Full PDB file with SEQRES, HELIX, SHEET, SSBOND, CRYST1, ORIGX, SCALE, CONECT and MASTER records, all heavy atoms in Angstrom:
SEQRES   1 A   43  LEU ASP VAL LEU ALA GLU GLN PRO LEU ALA ARG GLY LEU          
SEQRES   2 A   43  THR ALA ALA LEU ASP VAL LYS HIS GLU SER PRO GLN VAL          
SEQRES   3 A   43  LEU LEU PHE GLU GLY GLY GLU LEU VAL TRP HIS ALA SER          
SEQRES   4 A   43  HIS GLN ALA ILE                                              
HELIX    1 AA1 GLN A    7  LEU A   17  1                                  11    
HELIX    2 AA2 HIS A   40  ALA A   42  5                                   3    
SHEET    1 AA1 2 GLN A  25  GLU A  30  0                                        
SHEET    2 AA1 2 GLU A  33  SER A  39 -1                                        
CRYST1    1.000    1.000    1.000  90.00  90.00  90.00 P 1           1          
ORIGX1      1.000000  0.000000  0.000000        0.00000                         
ORIGX2      0.000000  1.000000  0.000000        0.00000                         
ORIGX3      0.000000  0.000000  1.000000        0.00000                         
SCALE1      1.000000  0.000000  0.000000        0.00000                         
SCALE2      0.000000  1.000000  0.000000        0.00000                         
SCALE3      0.000000  0.000000  1.000000        0.00000                         
ATOM      1  N   LEU A   1      73.545 176.754 123.331  1.00  0.00           N  
ATOM      2  CA  LEU A   1      74.921 176.336 123.538  1.00  0.00           C  
ATOM      3  C   LEU A   1      75.325 176.680 124.966  1.00  0.00           C  
ATOM      4  O   LEU A   1      75.235 177.837 125.373  1.00  0.00           O  
ATOM      5  CB  LEU A   1      75.831 177.059 122.535  1.00  0.00           C  
ATOM      6  CG  LEU A   1      77.324 176.824 122.648  1.00  0.00           C  
ATOM      7  CD1 LEU A   1      77.663 175.355 122.413  1.00  0.00           C  
ATOM      8  CD2 LEU A   1      78.056 177.698 121.646  1.00  0.00           C  
ATOM      9  N   ASP A   2      75.752 175.684 125.710  1.00  0.00           N  
ATOM     10  CA  ASP A   2      76.251 175.890 127.068  1.00  0.00           C  
ATOM     11  C   ASP A   2      77.689 176.396 126.948  1.00  0.00           C  
ATOM     12  O   ASP A   2      78.610 175.610 126.712  1.00  0.00           O  
ATOM     13  CB  ASP A   2      76.196 174.585 127.852  1.00  0.00           C  
ATOM     14  CG  ASP A   2      76.660 174.727 129.283  1.00  0.00           C  
ATOM     15  OD1 ASP A   2      77.425 175.679 129.600  1.00  0.00           O  
ATOM     16  OD2 ASP A   2      76.280 173.877 130.105  1.00  0.00           O  
ATOM     17  N   VAL A   3      77.874 177.704 127.076  1.00  0.00           N  
ATOM     18  CA  VAL A   3      79.196 178.300 126.836  1.00  0.00           C  
ATOM     19  C   VAL A   3      80.232 177.886 127.872  1.00  0.00           C  
ATOM     20  O   VAL A   3      81.427 177.940 127.591  1.00  0.00           O  
ATOM     21  CB  VAL A   3      79.130 179.839 126.707  1.00  0.00           C  
ATOM     22  CG1 VAL A   3      78.304 180.233 125.506  1.00  0.00           C  
ATOM     23  CG2 VAL A   3      78.606 180.480 127.964  1.00  0.00           C  
ATOM     24  N   LEU A   4      79.810 177.477 129.041  1.00  0.00           N  
ATOM     25  CA  LEU A   4      80.774 177.012 130.038  1.00  0.00           C  
ATOM     26  C   LEU A   4      81.272 175.614 129.692  1.00  0.00           C  
ATOM     27  O   LEU A   4      82.466 175.334 129.784  1.00  0.00           O  
ATOM     28  CB  LEU A   4      80.163 177.028 131.435  1.00  0.00           C  
ATOM     29  CG  LEU A   4      79.815 178.410 131.981  1.00  0.00           C  
ATOM     30  CD1 LEU A   4      79.168 178.292 133.350  1.00  0.00           C  
ATOM     31  CD2 LEU A   4      81.047 179.292 132.047  1.00  0.00           C  
ATOM     32  N   ALA A   5      80.372 174.754 129.275  1.00  0.00           N  
ATOM     33  CA  ALA A   5      80.746 173.386 128.922  1.00  0.00           C  
ATOM     34  C   ALA A   5      81.414 173.309 127.550  1.00  0.00           C  
ATOM     35  O   ALA A   5      82.194 172.398 127.291  1.00  0.00           O  
ATOM     36  CB  ALA A   5      79.511 172.479 128.949  1.00  0.00           C  
ATOM     37  N   GLU A   6      81.102 174.253 126.681  1.00  0.00           N  
ATOM     38  CA  GLU A   6      81.597 174.238 125.295  1.00  0.00           C  
ATOM     39  C   GLU A   6      82.372 175.514 124.961  1.00  0.00           C  
ATOM     40  O   GLU A   6      82.167 176.125 123.918  1.00  0.00           O  
ATOM     41  CB  GLU A   6      80.418 174.080 124.336  1.00  0.00           C  
ATOM     42  CG  GLU A   6      79.610 172.828 124.530  1.00  0.00           C  
ATOM     43  CD  GLU A   6      80.350 171.563 124.111  1.00  0.00           C  
ATOM     44  OE1 GLU A   6      81.354 171.670 123.367  1.00  0.00           O  
ATOM     45  OE2 GLU A   6      79.932 170.482 124.524  1.00  0.00           O  
ATOM     46  N   GLN A   7      83.276 175.921 125.840  1.00  0.00           N  
ATOM     47  CA  GLN A   7      84.006 177.174 125.647  1.00  0.00           C  
ATOM     48  C   GLN A   7      84.730 177.268 124.309  1.00  0.00           C  
ATOM     49  O   GLN A   7      84.606 178.284 123.620  1.00  0.00           O  
ATOM     50  CB  GLN A   7      84.976 177.416 126.798  1.00  0.00           C  
ATOM     51  CG  GLN A   7      84.285 177.848 128.060  1.00  0.00           C  
ATOM     52  CD  GLN A   7      85.273 178.177 129.165  1.00  0.00           C  
ATOM     53  OE1 GLN A   7      86.489 178.195 128.965  1.00  0.00           O  
ATOM     54  NE2 GLN A   7      84.751 178.444 130.354  1.00  0.00           N  
ATOM     55  N   PRO A   8      85.483 176.247 123.887  1.00  0.00           N  
ATOM     56  CA  PRO A   8      86.173 176.367 122.597  1.00  0.00           C  
ATOM     57  C   PRO A   8      85.198 176.560 121.432  1.00  0.00           C  
ATOM     58  O   PRO A   8      85.449 177.369 120.532  1.00  0.00           O  
ATOM     59  CB  PRO A   8      86.932 175.042 122.470  1.00  0.00           C  
ATOM     60  CG  PRO A   8      87.106 174.565 123.866  1.00  0.00           C  
ATOM     61  CD  PRO A   8      85.851 175.010 124.585  1.00  0.00           C  
ATOM     62  N   LEU A   9      84.096 175.851 121.441  1.00  0.00           N  
ATOM     63  CA  LEU A   9      83.099 175.986 120.385  1.00  0.00           C  
ATOM     64  C   LEU A   9      82.480 177.379 120.402  1.00  0.00           C  
ATOM     65  O   LEU A   9      82.350 178.031 119.359  1.00  0.00           O  
ATOM     66  CB  LEU A   9      82.004 174.921 120.538  1.00  0.00           C  
ATOM     67  CG  LEU A   9      80.853 174.982 119.538  1.00  0.00           C  
ATOM     68  CD1 LEU A   9      81.370 174.833 118.107  1.00  0.00           C  
ATOM     69  CD2 LEU A   9      79.832 173.908 119.855  1.00  0.00           C  
ATOM     70  N   ALA A  10      82.101 177.854 121.570  1.00  0.00           N  
ATOM     71  CA  ALA A  10      81.483 179.175 121.689  1.00  0.00           C  
ATOM     72  C   ALA A  10      82.438 180.269 121.234  1.00  0.00           C  
ATOM     73  O   ALA A  10      82.061 181.161 120.455  1.00  0.00           O  
ATOM     74  CB  ALA A  10      81.042 179.425 123.127  1.00  0.00           C  
ATOM     75  N   ARG A  11      83.669 180.216 121.676  1.00  0.00           N  
ATOM     76  CA  ARG A  11      84.661 181.231 121.283  1.00  0.00           C  
ATOM     77  C   ARG A  11      84.986 181.132 119.795  1.00  0.00           C  
ATOM     78  O   ARG A  11      85.149 182.133 119.116  1.00  0.00           O  
ATOM     79  CB  ARG A  11      85.936 181.087 122.104  1.00  0.00           C  
ATOM     80  CG  ARG A  11      85.680 181.213 123.596  1.00  0.00           C  
ATOM     81  CD  ARG A  11      86.145 182.528 124.125  1.00  0.00           C  
ATOM     82  NE  ARG A  11      85.944 182.546 125.573  1.00  0.00           N  
ATOM     83  CZ  ARG A  11      85.327 183.531 126.185  1.00  0.00           C  
ATOM     84  NH1 ARG A  11      84.870 184.542 125.510  1.00  0.00           N  
ATOM     85  NH2 ARG A  11      85.177 183.504 127.486  1.00  0.00           N  
ATOM     86  N   GLY A  12      85.073 179.911 119.275  1.00  0.00           N  
ATOM     87  CA  GLY A  12      85.347 179.724 117.856  1.00  0.00           C  
ATOM     88  C   GLY A  12      84.219 180.238 116.981  1.00  0.00           C  
ATOM     89  O   GLY A  12      84.462 180.850 115.937  1.00  0.00           O  
ATOM     90  N   LEU A  13      82.993 180.020 117.423  1.00  0.00           N  
ATOM     91  CA  LEU A  13      81.827 180.481 116.664  1.00  0.00           C  
ATOM     92  C   LEU A  13      81.804 181.999 116.585  1.00  0.00           C  
ATOM     93  O   LEU A  13      81.669 182.572 115.494  1.00  0.00           O  
ATOM     94  CB  LEU A  13      80.539 179.967 117.307  1.00  0.00           C  
ATOM     95  CG  LEU A  13      79.226 180.396 116.669  1.00  0.00           C  
ATOM     96  CD1 LEU A  13      79.127 179.904 115.235  1.00  0.00           C  
ATOM     97  CD2 LEU A  13      78.058 179.909 117.500  1.00  0.00           C  
ATOM     98  N   THR A  14      81.950 182.663 117.709  1.00  0.00           N  
ATOM     99  CA  THR A  14      81.902 184.128 117.684  1.00  0.00           C  
ATOM    100  C   THR A  14      83.109 184.707 116.939  1.00  0.00           C  
ATOM    101  O   THR A  14      82.979 185.715 116.254  1.00  0.00           O  
ATOM    102  CB  THR A  14      81.785 184.716 119.104  1.00  0.00           C  
ATOM    103  OG1 THR A  14      82.850 184.210 119.926  1.00  0.00           O  
ATOM    104  CG2 THR A  14      80.443 184.391 119.728  1.00  0.00           C  
ATOM    105  N   ALA A  15      84.259 184.059 117.036  1.00  0.00           N  
ATOM    106  CA  ALA A  15      85.435 184.527 116.293  1.00  0.00           C  
ATOM    107  C   ALA A  15      85.210 184.376 114.794  1.00  0.00           C  
ATOM    108  O   ALA A  15      85.511 185.288 114.017  1.00  0.00           O  
ATOM    109  CB  ALA A  15      86.674 183.754 116.726  1.00  0.00           C  
ATOM    110  N   ALA A  16      84.681 183.244 114.374  1.00  0.00           N  
ATOM    111  CA  ALA A  16      84.432 183.011 112.951  1.00  0.00           C  
ATOM    112  C   ALA A  16      83.399 183.985 112.396  1.00  0.00           C  
ATOM    113  O   ALA A  16      83.462 184.369 111.229  1.00  0.00           O  
ATOM    114  CB  ALA A  16      83.963 181.574 112.735  1.00  0.00           C  
ATOM    115  N   LEU A  17      82.475 184.398 113.247  1.00  0.00           N  
ATOM    116  CA  LEU A  17      81.421 185.326 112.819  1.00  0.00           C  
ATOM    117  C   LEU A  17      81.815 186.779 113.015  1.00  0.00           C  
ATOM    118  O   LEU A  17      81.069 187.679 112.640  1.00  0.00           O  
ATOM    119  CB  LEU A  17      80.132 185.039 113.601  1.00  0.00           C  
ATOM    120  CG  LEU A  17      79.514 183.673 113.346  1.00  0.00           C  
ATOM    121  CD1 LEU A  17      78.391 183.415 114.342  1.00  0.00           C  
ATOM    122  CD2 LEU A  17      79.008 183.554 111.915  1.00  0.00           C  
ATOM    123  N   ASP A  18      82.959 187.013 113.622  1.00  0.00           N  
ATOM    124  CA  ASP A  18      83.440 188.361 113.936  1.00  0.00           C  
ATOM    125  C   ASP A  18      82.442 189.116 114.813  1.00  0.00           C  
ATOM    126  O   ASP A  18      82.087 190.262 114.561  1.00  0.00           O  
ATOM    127  CB  ASP A  18      83.745 189.148 112.658  1.00  0.00           C  
ATOM    128  CG  ASP A  18      84.591 190.381 112.933  1.00  0.00           C  
ATOM    129  OD1 ASP A  18      85.356 190.368 113.926  1.00  0.00           O  
ATOM    130  OD2 ASP A  18      84.480 191.354 112.173  1.00  0.00           O  
ATOM    131  N   VAL A  19      81.968 188.409 115.834  1.00  0.00           N  
ATOM    132  CA  VAL A  19      81.017 188.957 116.804  1.00  0.00           C  
ATOM    133  C   VAL A  19      81.641 188.820 118.180  1.00  0.00           C  
ATOM    134  O   VAL A  19      82.192 187.771 118.509  1.00  0.00           O  
ATOM    135  CB  VAL A  19      79.673 188.179 116.763  1.00  0.00           C  
ATOM    136  CG1 VAL A  19      78.749 188.627 117.865  1.00  0.00           C  
ATOM    137  CG2 VAL A  19      79.013 188.314 115.409  1.00  0.00           C  
ATOM    138  N   LYS A  20      81.573 189.865 118.976  1.00  0.00           N  
ATOM    139  CA  LYS A  20      82.082 189.805 120.343  1.00  0.00           C  
ATOM    140  C   LYS A  20      81.288 188.775 121.134  1.00  0.00           C  
ATOM    141  O   LYS A  20      80.054 188.770 121.112  1.00  0.00           O  
ATOM    142  CB  LYS A  20      81.970 191.177 121.003  1.00  0.00           C  
ATOM    143  CG  LYS A  20      82.470 191.206 122.423  1.00  0.00           C  
ATOM    144  CD  LYS A  20      82.285 192.573 123.051  1.00  0.00           C  
ATOM    145  CE  LYS A  20      82.638 192.543 124.511  1.00  0.00           C  
ATOM    146  NZ  LYS A  20      82.262 193.769 125.196  1.00  0.00           N  
ATOM    147  N   HIS A  21      81.983 187.895 121.851  1.00  0.00           N  
ATOM    148  CA  HIS A  21      81.314 186.908 122.698  1.00  0.00           C  
ATOM    149  C   HIS A  21      80.719 187.602 123.909  1.00  0.00           C  
ATOM    150  O   HIS A  21      81.412 188.294 124.640  1.00  0.00           O  
ATOM    151  CB  HIS A  21      82.305 185.840 123.152  1.00  0.00           C  
ATOM    152  CG  HIS A  21      81.720 184.897 124.159  1.00  0.00           C  
ATOM    153  ND1 HIS A  21      81.832 183.554 124.058  1.00  0.00           N  
ATOM    154  CD2 HIS A  21      81.001 185.107 125.263  1.00  0.00           C  
ATOM    155  CE1 HIS A  21      81.216 182.976 125.083  1.00  0.00           C  
ATOM    156  NE2 HIS A  21      80.704 183.918 125.831  1.00  0.00           N  
ATOM    157  N   GLU A  22      79.431 187.406 124.104  1.00  0.00           N  
ATOM    158  CA  GLU A  22      78.748 187.906 125.298  1.00  0.00           C  
ATOM    159  C   GLU A  22      77.804 186.820 125.766  1.00  0.00           C  
ATOM    160  O   GLU A  22      77.421 185.946 125.004  1.00  0.00           O  
ATOM    161  CB  GLU A  22      77.982 189.184 124.977  1.00  0.00           C  
ATOM    162  CG  GLU A  22      78.901 190.291 124.473  1.00  0.00           C  
ATOM    163  CD  GLU A  22      78.175 191.596 124.281  1.00  0.00           C  
ATOM    164  OE1 GLU A  22      77.843 192.223 125.302  1.00  0.00           O  
ATOM    165  OE2 GLU A  22      77.931 191.961 123.124  1.00  0.00           O  
ATOM    166  N   SER A  23      77.425 186.889 127.011  1.00  0.00           N  
ATOM    167  CA  SER A  23      76.503 185.890 127.534  1.00  0.00           C  
ATOM    168  C   SER A  23      75.571 186.552 128.533  1.00  0.00           C  
ATOM    169  O   SER A  23      76.055 187.196 129.463  1.00  0.00           O  
ATOM    170  CB  SER A  23      77.300 184.768 128.206  1.00  0.00           C  
ATOM    171  OG  SER A  23      76.455 183.725 128.572  1.00  0.00           O  
ATOM    172  N   PRO A  24      74.284 186.456 128.302  1.00  0.00           N  
ATOM    173  CA  PRO A  24      73.609 185.693 127.252  1.00  0.00           C  
ATOM    174  C   PRO A  24      73.694 186.404 125.904  1.00  0.00           C  
ATOM    175  O   PRO A  24      73.892 187.621 125.837  1.00  0.00           O  
ATOM    176  CB  PRO A  24      72.166 185.623 127.738  1.00  0.00           C  
ATOM    177  CG  PRO A  24      71.983 186.874 128.526  1.00  0.00           C  
ATOM    178  CD  PRO A  24      73.320 187.128 129.178  1.00  0.00           C  
ATOM    179  N   GLN A  25      73.512 185.618 124.855  1.00  0.00           N  
ATOM    180  CA  GLN A  25      73.633 186.145 123.501  1.00  0.00           C  
ATOM    181  C   GLN A  25      72.732 185.345 122.566  1.00  0.00           C  
ATOM    182  O   GLN A  25      72.592 184.139 122.719  1.00  0.00           O  
ATOM    183  CB  GLN A  25      75.082 186.030 123.046  1.00  0.00           C  
ATOM    184  CG  GLN A  25      75.412 186.636 121.722  1.00  0.00           C  
ATOM    185  CD  GLN A  25      76.922 186.681 121.503  1.00  0.00           C  
ATOM    186  OE1 GLN A  25      77.660 185.819 121.978  1.00  0.00           O  
ATOM    187  NE2 GLN A  25      77.380 187.685 120.791  1.00  0.00           N  
ATOM    188  N   VAL A  26      72.133 186.032 121.614  1.00  0.00           N  
ATOM    189  CA  VAL A  26      71.315 185.390 120.591  1.00  0.00           C  
ATOM    190  C   VAL A  26      71.933 185.694 119.234  1.00  0.00           C  
ATOM    191  O   VAL A  26      72.286 186.844 118.954  1.00  0.00           O  
ATOM    192  CB  VAL A  26      69.851 185.918 120.610  1.00  0.00           C  
ATOM    193  CG1 VAL A  26      69.080 185.408 119.411  1.00  0.00           C  
ATOM    194  CG2 VAL A  26      69.165 185.526 121.893  1.00  0.00           C  
ATOM    195  N   LEU A  27      72.089 184.649 118.429  1.00  0.00           N  
ATOM    196  CA  LEU A  27      72.580 184.790 117.064  1.00  0.00           C  
ATOM    197  C   LEU A  27      71.485 184.260 116.142  1.00  0.00           C  
ATOM    198  O   LEU A  27      71.072 183.118 116.277  1.00  0.00           O  
ATOM    199  CB  LEU A  27      73.863 183.977 116.853  1.00  0.00           C  
ATOM    200  CG  LEU A  27      75.010 184.263 117.813  1.00  0.00           C  
ATOM    201  CD1 LEU A  27      76.128 183.234 117.618  1.00  0.00           C  
ATOM    202  CD2 LEU A  27      75.548 185.662 117.608  1.00  0.00           C  
ATOM    203  N   LEU A  28      71.022 185.075 115.206  1.00  0.00           N  
ATOM    204  CA  LEU A  28      69.960 184.677 114.285  1.00  0.00           C  
ATOM    205  C   LEU A  28      70.557 184.497 112.894  1.00  0.00           C  
ATOM    206  O   LEU A  28      71.200 185.407 112.371  1.00  0.00           O  
ATOM    207  CB  LEU A  28      68.854 185.738 114.251  1.00  0.00           C  
ATOM    208  CG  LEU A  28      67.683 185.476 113.302  1.00  0.00           C  
ATOM    209  CD1 LEU A  28      66.923 184.216 113.699  1.00  0.00           C  
ATOM    210  CD2 LEU A  28      66.747 186.683 113.277  1.00  0.00           C  
ATOM    211  N   PHE A  29      70.359 183.322 112.330  1.00  0.00           N  
ATOM    212  CA  PHE A  29      70.878 182.996 111.013  1.00  0.00           C  
ATOM    213  C   PHE A  29      69.733 182.824 110.022  1.00  0.00           C  
ATOM    214  O   PHE A  29      68.667 182.328 110.383  1.00  0.00           O  
ATOM    215  CB  PHE A  29      71.667 181.675 111.056  1.00  0.00           C  
ATOM    216  CG  PHE A  29      72.881 181.728 111.917  1.00  0.00           C  
ATOM    217  CD1 PHE A  29      72.818 181.457 113.269  1.00  0.00           C  
ATOM    218  CD2 PHE A  29      74.108 182.054 111.368  1.00  0.00           C  
ATOM    219  CE1 PHE A  29      73.940 181.501 114.069  1.00  0.00           C  
ATOM    220  CE2 PHE A  29      75.246 182.103 112.156  1.00  0.00           C  
ATOM    221  CZ  PHE A  29      75.167 181.827 113.513  1.00  0.00           C  
ATOM    222  N   GLU A  30      69.992 183.204 108.790  1.00  0.00           N  
ATOM    223  CA  GLU A  30      69.059 182.947 107.703  1.00  0.00           C  
ATOM    224  C   GLU A  30      69.890 182.464 106.520  1.00  0.00           C  
ATOM    225  O   GLU A  30      70.829 183.151 106.102  1.00  0.00           O  
ATOM    226  CB  GLU A  30      68.282 184.198 107.334  1.00  0.00           C  
ATOM    227  CG  GLU A  30      67.251 183.948 106.255  1.00  0.00           C  
ATOM    228  CD  GLU A  30      66.371 185.151 105.996  1.00  0.00           C  
ATOM    229  OE1 GLU A  30      66.688 186.263 106.451  1.00  0.00           O  
ATOM    230  OE2 GLU A  30      65.362 184.977 105.316  1.00  0.00           O  
ATOM    231  N   GLY A  31      69.567 181.284 106.026  1.00  0.00           N  
ATOM    232  CA  GLY A  31      70.328 180.729 104.923  1.00  0.00           C  
ATOM    233  C   GLY A  31      71.798 180.539 105.244  1.00  0.00           C  
ATOM    234  O   GLY A  31      72.651 180.690 104.381  1.00  0.00           O  
ATOM    235  N   GLY A  32      72.101 180.252 106.497  1.00  0.00           N  
ATOM    236  CA  GLY A  32      73.472 180.039 106.914  1.00  0.00           C  
ATOM    237  C   GLY A  32      74.262 181.306 107.196  1.00  0.00           C  
ATOM    238  O   GLY A  32      75.424 181.241 107.576  1.00  0.00           O  
ATOM    239  N   GLU A  33      73.636 182.459 107.016  1.00  0.00           N  
ATOM    240  CA  GLU A  33      74.305 183.737 107.254  1.00  0.00           C  
ATOM    241  C   GLU A  33      73.783 184.377 108.538  1.00  0.00           C  
ATOM    242  O   GLU A  33      72.574 184.364 108.800  1.00  0.00           O  
ATOM    243  CB  GLU A  33      74.045 184.704 106.091  1.00  0.00           C  
ATOM    244  CG  GLU A  33      74.572 184.234 104.756  1.00  0.00           C  
ATOM    245  CD  GLU A  33      76.082 184.262 104.678  1.00  0.00           C  
ATOM    246  OE1 GLU A  33      76.695 185.190 105.245  1.00  0.00           O  
ATOM    247  OE2 GLU A  33      76.643 183.350 104.052  1.00  0.00           O  
ATOM    248  N   LEU A  34      74.681 184.964 109.318  1.00  0.00           N  
ATOM    249  CA  LEU A  34      74.281 185.703 110.515  1.00  0.00           C  
ATOM    250  C   LEU A  34      73.574 186.986 110.072  1.00  0.00           C  
ATOM    251  O   LEU A  34      74.136 187.778 109.327  1.00  0.00           O  
ATOM    252  CB  LEU A  34      75.503 186.057 111.366  1.00  0.00           C  
ATOM    253  CG  LEU A  34      75.227 186.852 112.635  1.00  0.00           C  
ATOM    254  CD1 LEU A  34      74.393 186.036 113.616  1.00  0.00           C  
ATOM    255  CD2 LEU A  34      76.535 187.290 113.279  1.00  0.00           C  
ATOM    256  N   VAL A  35      72.321 187.152 110.489  1.00  0.00           N  
ATOM    257  CA  VAL A  35      71.555 188.331 110.073  1.00  0.00           C  
ATOM    258  C   VAL A  35      71.226 189.264 111.234  1.00  0.00           C  
ATOM    259  O   VAL A  35      70.811 190.400 111.020  1.00  0.00           O  
ATOM    260  CB  VAL A  35      70.254 187.929 109.327  1.00  0.00           C  
ATOM    261  CG1 VAL A  35      70.592 187.240 108.019  1.00  0.00           C  
ATOM    262  CG2 VAL A  35      69.366 187.044 110.187  1.00  0.00           C  
ATOM    263  N   TRP A  36      71.397 188.801 112.476  1.00  0.00           N  
ATOM    264  CA  TRP A  36      71.099 189.640 113.635  1.00  0.00           C  
ATOM    265  C   TRP A  36      71.692 188.982 114.864  1.00  0.00           C  
ATOM    266  O   TRP A  36      71.770 187.755 114.960  1.00  0.00           O  
ATOM    267  CB  TRP A  36      69.583 189.779 113.793  1.00  0.00           C  
ATOM    268  CG  TRP A  36      69.128 190.584 114.976  1.00  0.00           C  
ATOM    269  CD1 TRP A  36      69.154 191.945 115.102  1.00  0.00           C  
ATOM    270  CD2 TRP A  36      68.543 190.099 116.193  1.00  0.00           C  
ATOM    271  NE1 TRP A  36      68.633 192.326 116.320  1.00  0.00           N  
ATOM    272  CE2 TRP A  36      68.239 191.208 117.003  1.00  0.00           C  
ATOM    273  CE3 TRP A  36      68.253 188.830 116.667  1.00  0.00           C  
ATOM    274  CZ2 TRP A  36      67.671 191.080 118.257  1.00  0.00           C  
ATOM    275  CZ3 TRP A  36      67.672 188.695 117.918  1.00  0.00           C  
ATOM    276  CH2 TRP A  36      67.384 189.825 118.696  1.00  0.00           C  
ATOM    277  N   HIS A  37      72.135 189.802 115.796  1.00  0.00           N  
ATOM    278  CA  HIS A  37      72.574 189.274 117.087  1.00  0.00           C  
ATOM    279  C   HIS A  37      72.275 190.311 118.159  1.00  0.00           C  
ATOM    280  O   HIS A  37      72.184 191.509 117.891  1.00  0.00           O  
ATOM    281  CB  HIS A  37      74.051 188.878 117.085  1.00  0.00           C  
ATOM    282  CG  HIS A  37      74.997 190.000 116.812  1.00  0.00           C  
ATOM    283  ND1 HIS A  37      75.568 190.736 117.810  1.00  0.00           N  
ATOM    284  CD2 HIS A  37      75.452 190.520 115.658  1.00  0.00           C  
ATOM    285  CE1 HIS A  37      76.358 191.650 117.290  1.00  0.00           C  
ATOM    286  NE2 HIS A  37      76.296 191.551 115.968  1.00  0.00           N  
ATOM    287  N   ALA A  38      72.085 189.827 119.359  1.00  0.00           N  
ATOM    288  CA  ALA A  38      71.797 190.692 120.496  1.00  0.00           C  
ATOM    289  C   ALA A  38      72.326 190.022 121.753  1.00  0.00           C  
ATOM    290  O   ALA A  38      72.553 188.816 121.784  1.00  0.00           O  
ATOM    291  CB  ALA A  38      70.298 190.939 120.622  1.00  0.00           C  
ATOM    292  N   SER A  39      72.510 190.822 122.788  1.00  0.00           N  
ATOM    293  CA  SER A  39      72.950 190.269 124.065  1.00  0.00           C  
ATOM    294  C   SER A  39      72.283 191.014 125.215  1.00  0.00           C  
ATOM    295  O   SER A  39      71.731 192.099 125.039  1.00  0.00           O  
ATOM    296  CB  SER A  39      74.474 190.352 124.191  1.00  0.00           C  
ATOM    297  OG  SER A  39      74.885 191.692 124.253  1.00  0.00           O  
ATOM    298  N   HIS A  40      72.350 190.400 126.355  1.00  0.00           N  
ATOM    299  CA  HIS A  40      71.862 190.948 127.614  1.00  0.00           C  
ATOM    300  C   HIS A  40      70.435 191.502 127.497  1.00  0.00           C  
ATOM    301  O   HIS A  40      69.553 190.796 127.018  1.00  0.00           O  
ATOM    302  CB  HIS A  40      72.855 191.980 128.151  1.00  0.00           C  
ATOM    303  CG  HIS A  40      74.185 191.363 128.453  1.00  0.00           C  
ATOM    304  ND1 HIS A  40      75.179 191.270 127.507  1.00  0.00           N  
ATOM    305  CD2 HIS A  40      74.668 190.793 129.572  1.00  0.00           C  
ATOM    306  CE1 HIS A  40      76.231 190.658 128.035  1.00  0.00           C  
ATOM    307  NE2 HIS A  40      75.944 190.362 129.292  1.00  0.00           N  
ATOM    308  N   GLN A  41      70.220 192.755 127.880  1.00  0.00           N  
ATOM    309  CA  GLN A  41      68.870 193.319 127.924  1.00  0.00           C  
ATOM    310  C   GLN A  41      68.262 193.536 126.537  1.00  0.00           C  
ATOM    311  O   GLN A  41      67.062 193.730 126.417  1.00  0.00           O  
ATOM    312  CB  GLN A  41      68.861 194.646 128.703  1.00  0.00           C  
ATOM    313  CG  GLN A  41      69.046 194.483 130.197  1.00  0.00           C  
ATOM    314  CD  GLN A  41      70.496 194.231 130.596  1.00  0.00           C  
ATOM    315  OE1 GLN A  41      71.429 194.474 129.841  1.00  0.00           O  
ATOM    316  NE2 GLN A  41      70.689 193.713 131.810  1.00  0.00           N  
ATOM    317  N   ALA A  42      69.080 193.482 125.493  1.00  0.00           N  
ATOM    318  CA  ALA A  42      68.545 193.631 124.130  1.00  0.00           C  
ATOM    319  C   ALA A  42      67.836 192.362 123.661  1.00  0.00           C  
ATOM    320  O   ALA A  42      67.147 192.378 122.646  1.00  0.00           O  
ATOM    321  CB  ALA A  42      69.669 193.993 123.156  1.00  0.00           C  
ATOM    322  N   ILE A  43      67.998 191.276 124.409  1.00  0.00           N  
ATOM    323  CA  ILE A  43      67.313 190.028 124.066  1.00  0.00           C  
ATOM    324  C   ILE A  43      65.925 190.063 124.690  1.00  0.00           C  
ATOM    325  O   ILE A  43      65.768 189.889 125.896  1.00  0.00           O  
ATOM    326  CB  ILE A  43      68.077 188.798 124.595  1.00  0.00           C  
ATOM    327  CG1 ILE A  43      69.488 188.756 124.041  1.00  0.00           C  
ATOM    328  CG2 ILE A  43      67.318 187.519 124.250  1.00  0.00           C  
ATOM    329  CD1 ILE A  43      70.367 187.706 124.685  1.00  0.00           C  
TER     330      ILE A  43                                                      
MASTER        0    0    0    2    2    0    0    6  329    1    0    4          
END                                                                             
């Protein structure tokens, strides 16, 4: 997701998931559920 081009989508996604928006960021889903996320050097 290009967070600069898709700011509303990116902010809405992290808000809906109750995850702080960071960039870069990885969100891992399993069965439609967020199971892990990481940002910056943790990626």
